[in-house]
Amino acid sequence: MANQISKAYGVKDYLSIANLNPSIDEKIKINLIDKINNEIEKDYNTHSAVTHYIDEYGFVPPFVLMKIFTFGVASSYCGLLKQSDRQAIAKYFKISDKLLKQILKNLTTIRNVAAHSERLYIYTSKFYLSFKLIDMTYVKLDNITNLYMVIRCMRKLLTRFNYRNWIWILPKKWTYCLCHCLVLWCENSYSCKFTSTKKYK
């Protein structure tokens, strides 16, 4: 995303409403730009690259900005770009800009669920996902997006090597999470209060 923004608008004056999708409401675009500028101001004294570029050049280039973005802001920013820019970014992943936007929206929701310690393993979302473009054999009976579908979508965003490594460690993390949930359920469930009268030597 940083490469495309730099290529299209340069490294200095790219944070302009004129560089965003003209069909999006003006207030939404202004709110996003304000949020980004507030993030830059907040990180001025804590992020060395931000401090360096502001002090030396008076601006923060896109490749530095991406380092301080939260996932949610990065997703929103990508979603508000002009279609030509979104298409250029999506082309890198060999998918459509529409599918990329759908994936990012669901990933942002998943990130928020995980960050607030909610139940990720039963994740579902009403944010539509064109999953037939990912797996034509998957039988989808409704318009609900589930966790499996989002995990499969990561194959489009990661290299084959990184995706395989991620999938390999995923079962271990899920096993830990499920065991942890089971322990919590047993501790808090009235039906799981065990008492033992048998003594062991």
Protein backbone atom coordinates (compact mmCIF):
# COMPACT_ATOMS: atom_id res chain seq x y z
CA MET A 1 0.00 0.00 0.00
CA ALA A 2 2.83 2.40 0.84
CA ASN A 3 4.46 1.78 -2.55
CA GLN A 4 1.25 2.51 -4.46
CA ILE A 5 0.52 5.69 -2.47
CA SER A 6 4.07 6.97 -3.00
CA LYS A 7 3.91 6.15 -6.70
CA ALA A 8 0.55 7.86 -7.21
CA TYR A 9 0.84 10.88 -4.90
CA GLY A 10 4.45 11.22 -3.79
CA VAL A 11 5.86 10.91 -0.29
CA LYS A 12 4.91 14.35 1.05
CA ASP A 13 1.41 15.57 0.20
CA TYR A 14 -0.38 12.24 -0.07
CA LEU A 15 -2.60 12.76 3.01
CA SER A 16 -5.20 14.75 1.13
CA ILE A 17 -8.94 14.25 0.78
CA ALA A 18 -8.48 14.76 -2.96
CA ASN A 19 -6.49 11.52 -3.08
CA LEU A 20 -9.36 9.47 -1.66
CA ASN A 21 -12.44 7.99 -3.30
CA PRO A 22 -14.63 10.93 -4.49
CA SER A 23 -17.82 8.90 -4.02
CA ILE A 24 -17.25 8.56 -0.25
CA ASP A 25 -18.89 11.05 2.10
CA GLU A 26 -16.64 14.03 2.84
CA LYS A 27 -17.05 13.72 6.62
CA ILE A 28 -15.81 10.12 6.59
CA LYS A 29 -12.68 11.12 4.68
CA ILE A 30 -11.98 14.11 6.93
CA ASN A 31 -12.42 11.91 10.01
CA LEU A 32 -9.89 9.40 8.64
CA ILE A 33 -7.29 12.07 7.79
CA ASP A 34 -7.72 13.61 11.26
CA LYS A 35 -7.29 10.19 12.86
CA ILE A 36 -4.07 9.59 10.89
CA ASN A 37 -2.66 13.02 11.79
CA ASN A 38 -3.50 12.43 15.45
CA GLU A 39 -1.66 9.12 15.28
CA ILE A 40 1.41 10.85 13.82
CA GLU A 41 1.30 13.49 16.57
CA LYS A 42 0.94 10.83 19.26
CA ASP A 43 3.91 8.83 17.94
CA TYR A 44 6.19 11.84 17.42
CA ASN A 45 8.02 11.36 20.73
CA THR A 46 7.86 7.56 20.82
CA HIS A 47 8.64 6.39 17.28
CA SER A 48 12.17 7.27 16.16
CA ALA A 49 11.39 7.21 12.42
CA VAL A 50 8.42 9.56 12.87
CA THR A 51 10.54 11.94 14.96
CA HIS A 52 13.37 11.84 12.41
CA TYR A 53 11.27 12.60 9.34
CA ILE A 54 9.23 15.37 10.98
CA ASP A 55 12.33 17.06 12.39
CA GLU A 56 14.39 16.69 9.21
CA TYR A 57 11.80 17.02 6.45
CA GLY A 58 8.56 18.18 8.05
CA PHE A 59 6.47 15.19 6.94
CA VAL A 60 6.11 11.43 7.40
CA PRO A 61 6.43 9.32 4.21
CA PRO A 62 3.95 6.49 3.53
CA PHE A 63 6.38 3.65 4.30
CA VAL A 64 6.91 5.06 7.80
CA LEU A 65 3.22 5.78 8.29
CA MET A 66 2.37 2.12 7.67
CA LYS A 67 4.58 1.13 10.61
CA ILE A 68 2.48 3.14 13.09
CA PHE A 69 -0.95 2.34 11.67
CA THR A 70 -3.29 0.22 13.69
CA PHE A 71 -4.80 -2.60 11.63
CA GLY A 72 -8.19 -0.91 11.74
CA VAL A 73 -6.88 2.42 10.41
CA ALA A 74 -4.86 0.68 7.69
CA SER A 75 -7.97 -1.22 6.61
CA SER A 76 -10.10 1.94 6.60
CA TYR A 77 -7.45 3.87 4.67
CA CYS A 78 -7.21 1.16 2.03
CA GLY A 79 -11.00 1.04 1.77
CA LEU A 80 -11.23 4.80 1.16
CA LEU A 81 -8.57 4.94 -1.55
CA LYS A 82 -9.58 5.55 -5.15
CA GLN A 83 -10.55 2.40 -6.98
CA SER A 84 -7.52 2.62 -9.27
CA ASP A 85 -5.24 2.56 -6.21
CA ARG A 86 -7.13 -0.31 -4.58
CA GLN A 87 -6.92 -2.26 -7.82
CA ALA A 88 -3.17 -1.72 -8.01
CA ILE A 89 -2.75 -2.95 -4.42
CA ALA A 90 -5.06 -5.95 -4.97
CA LYS A 91 -3.19 -6.86 -8.16
CA TYR A 92 -0.12 -7.58 -6.04
CA PHE A 93 -2.11 -10.32 -4.26
CA LYS A 94 -3.71 -11.47 -7.55
CA ILE A 95 -7.24 -10.77 -6.31
CA SER A 96 -9.88 -8.13 -7.00
CA ASP A 97 -10.02 -4.89 -5.03
CA LYS A 98 -13.52 -5.88 -3.92
CA LEU A 99 -12.31 -9.15 -2.41
CA LEU A 100 -9.35 -7.43 -0.74
CA LYS A 101 -11.70 -4.94 0.88
CA GLN A 102 -13.93 -7.78 2.12
CA ILE A 103 -10.98 -9.69 3.58
CA LEU A 104 -9.57 -6.63 5.35
CA LYS A 105 -12.96 -5.78 6.86
CA ASN A 106 -13.31 -9.30 8.29
CA LEU A 107 -9.69 -9.35 9.51
CA THR A 108 -10.28 -6.06 11.32
CA THR A 109 -13.33 -7.55 13.05
CA ILE A 110 -11.37 -10.67 14.01
CA ARG A 111 -8.55 -8.54 15.38
CA ASN A 112 -11.05 -6.65 17.56
CA VAL A 113 -12.64 -9.89 18.79
CA ALA A 114 -9.22 -11.28 19.75
CA ALA A 115 -8.08 -8.01 21.36
CA HIS A 116 -11.12 -7.94 23.62
CA SER A 117 -10.79 -11.60 24.63
CA GLU A 118 -14.06 -12.61 23.03
CA ARG A 119 -14.81 -16.09 21.64
CA LEU A 120 -12.86 -16.19 18.40
CA TYR A 121 -13.40 -19.89 17.69
CA ILE A 122 -17.11 -19.32 16.99
CA TYR A 123 -16.50 -16.15 14.98
CA THR A 124 -19.17 -15.27 12.43
CA SER A 125 -19.72 -12.03 10.58
CA LYS A 126 -22.33 -10.44 8.35
CA PHE A 127 -19.57 -8.78 6.33
CA TYR A 128 -19.96 -10.57 3.03
CA LEU A 129 -17.02 -12.54 1.65
CA SER A 130 -16.89 -13.77 -1.96
CA PHE A 131 -15.53 -17.12 -0.84
CA LYS A 132 -16.24 -18.89 -4.13
CA LEU A 133 -13.22 -17.00 -5.46
CA ILE A 134 -11.13 -18.72 -2.77
CA ASP A 135 -12.64 -22.21 -2.66
CA MET A 136 -15.21 -23.23 -5.28
CA THR A 137 -15.91 -26.54 -3.51
CA TYR A 138 -16.99 -24.97 -0.21
CA VAL A 139 -20.73 -25.34 0.41
CA LYS A 140 -22.07 -22.08 1.80
CA LEU A 141 -25.72 -22.13 2.85
CA ASP A 142 -26.04 -18.51 3.96
CA ASN A 143 -24.32 -15.13 3.71
CA ILE A 144 -22.56 -15.50 7.05
CA THR A 145 -18.75 -15.39 7.05
CA ASN A 146 -17.04 -17.77 9.47
CA LEU A 147 -13.52 -18.15 10.85
CA TYR A 148 -12.57 -20.99 8.49
CA MET A 149 -13.32 -18.80 5.49
CA VAL A 150 -11.14 -15.96 6.76
CA ILE A 151 -8.28 -18.35 7.56
CA ARG A 152 -8.42 -19.70 4.01
CA CYS A 153 -8.35 -16.14 2.66
CA MET A 154 -4.97 -15.62 4.29
CA ARG A 155 -3.57 -17.85 1.56
CA LYS A 156 -4.09 -14.91 -0.78
CA LEU A 157 -2.29 -12.42 1.44
CA LEU A 158 0.68 -14.51 2.60
CA THR A 159 3.43 -16.22 0.65
CA ARG A 160 3.06 -19.98 0.31
CA PHE A 161 5.93 -20.52 2.77
CA ASN A 162 4.50 -18.14 5.39
CA TYR A 163 1.00 -19.53 4.98
CA ARG A 164 2.17 -23.12 5.49
CA ASN A 165 4.14 -22.15 8.59
CA TRP A 166 1.16 -20.25 9.96
CA ILE A 167 -1.20 -23.17 9.34
CA TRP A 168 1.30 -25.52 10.98
CA ILE A 169 1.41 -23.58 14.27
CA LEU A 170 -2.30 -22.74 14.24
CA PRO A 171 -3.53 -26.12 15.62
CA LYS A 172 -1.15 -25.80 18.58
CA LYS A 173 -2.50 -22.36 19.43
CA TRP A 174 -6.09 -23.52 18.99
CA THR A 175 -5.50 -26.56 21.19
CA TYR A 176 -4.22 -24.31 23.95
CA CYS A 177 -7.14 -21.91 23.56
CA LEU A 178 -9.76 -24.66 23.55
CA CYS A 179 -8.23 -26.35 26.61
CA HIS A 180 -8.14 -23.01 28.38
CA CYS A 181 -11.82 -22.41 27.53
CA LEU A 182 -12.71 -25.89 28.77
CA VAL A 183 -10.97 -25.27 32.09
CA LEU A 184 -12.78 -21.95 32.53
CA TRP A 185 -16.09 -23.57 31.67
CA CYS A 186 -15.53 -26.34 34.21
CA GLU A 187 -14.54 -23.89 36.90
CA ASN A 188 -17.63 -21.75 36.37
CA SER A 189 -20.21 -24.39 35.59
CA TYR A 190 -22.34 -25.62 38.47
CA SER A 191 -22.51 -29.06 36.91
CA CYS A 192 -18.72 -29.39 36.97
CA LYS A 193 -18.10 -29.11 40.68
CA PHE A 194 -16.32 -32.33 41.42
CA THR A 195 -15.77 -33.71 44.88
CA SER A 196 -13.66 -36.72 45.61
CA THR A 197 -13.69 -38.86 48.73
CA LYS A 198 -11.01 -41.20 47.49
CA LYS A 199 -7.60 -40.71 49.02
CA TYR A 200 -4.46 -41.45 47.14
CA LYS A 201 -1.24 -42.54 48.75
